[in-house]
Amino acid sequence: MPSWVYLFRLAEATQELMAYVERGGPKPISVYGGRCWPRLTVNVRRGAVFALALARLVFAASVPRT
């Protein structure tokens, strides 16, 4: 086949693809829907609270008493 036939078929396929996307083709793949952060597990929350409490305790101990 001549090269212009391949070019013509490529143009048709591109037009069909553009029409499909403009009609609202498939949405982007996303685990969480792209709208919110994933929920943290209980152990992650507990660890964060413990780290924050420990940091506040260290800070409070480092402040000189008056």
Protein backbone atom coordinates (compact mmCIF):
# COMPACT_ATOMS: atom_id res chain seq x y z
CA MET A 1 0.00 0.00 0.00
CA PRO A 2 1.17 3.50 -0.60
CA SER A 3 2.13 5.61 2.39
CA TRP A 4 -0.77 8.00 1.90
CA VAL A 5 -3.21 5.15 2.66
CA TYR A 6 -1.57 4.63 6.06
CA LEU A 7 -1.69 8.35 6.67
CA PHE A 8 -5.38 8.46 5.72
CA ARG A 9 -6.22 5.58 8.08
CA LEU A 10 -4.28 7.25 10.87
CA ALA A 11 -6.24 10.47 10.33
CA GLU A 12 -9.55 8.57 10.48
CA ALA A 13 -8.53 6.78 13.68
CA THR A 14 -7.47 10.08 15.24
CA GLN A 15 -10.80 11.69 14.36
CA GLU A 16 -12.72 8.75 15.83
CA LEU A 17 -10.65 8.94 19.00
CA MET A 18 -11.24 12.68 19.35
CA ALA A 19 -14.99 12.21 18.84
CA TYR A 20 -15.03 9.50 21.51
CA VAL A 21 -13.18 11.68 24.01
CA GLU A 22 -15.40 14.70 23.32
CA ARG A 23 -18.49 12.56 23.99
CA GLY A 24 -17.16 11.96 27.50
CA GLY A 25 -15.14 8.82 27.06
CA PRO A 26 -13.56 7.00 29.95
CA LYS A 27 -12.74 8.99 33.03
CA PRO A 28 -9.21 9.05 34.47
CA ILE A 29 -8.35 6.04 36.58
CA SER A 30 -8.22 6.98 40.22
CA VAL A 31 -8.39 4.85 43.33
CA TYR A 32 -10.04 7.52 45.48
CA GLY A 33 -12.02 9.42 42.85
CA GLY A 34 -9.52 12.27 42.90
CA ARG A 35 -11.60 14.31 45.35
CA CYS A 36 -10.41 13.43 48.82
CA TRP A 37 -7.44 12.07 50.71
CA PRO A 38 -7.44 8.41 51.61
CA ARG A 39 -8.72 7.67 55.09
CA LEU A 40 -6.06 7.09 57.68
CA THR A 41 -6.08 3.88 59.65
CA VAL A 42 -6.58 3.89 63.40
CA ASN A 43 -2.95 3.00 64.06
CA VAL A 44 -1.70 5.92 61.94
CA ARG A 45 -3.95 8.30 63.87
CA ARG A 46 -2.78 6.92 67.19
CA GLY A 47 0.85 7.24 66.14
CA ALA A 48 0.33 10.85 65.05
CA VAL A 49 -1.36 11.77 68.33
CA PHE A 50 1.41 10.05 70.31
CA ALA A 51 4.14 11.85 68.32
CA LEU A 52 2.42 15.20 68.82
CA ALA A 53 2.00 14.61 72.55
CA LEU A 54 5.63 13.54 72.88
CA ALA A 55 6.82 16.61 70.99
CA ARG A 56 4.75 18.89 73.23
CA LEU A 57 6.15 17.15 76.31
CA VAL A 58 9.73 17.61 75.12
CA PHE A 59 9.03 21.26 74.30
CA ALA A 60 7.43 21.86 77.69
CA ALA A 61 10.41 20.25 79.44
CA SER A 62 12.88 22.40 77.52
CA VAL A 63 11.26 25.73 78.46
CA PRO A 64 12.97 27.29 81.49
CA ARG A 65 10.82 27.66 84.59
CA THR A 66 10.32 31.12 86.03
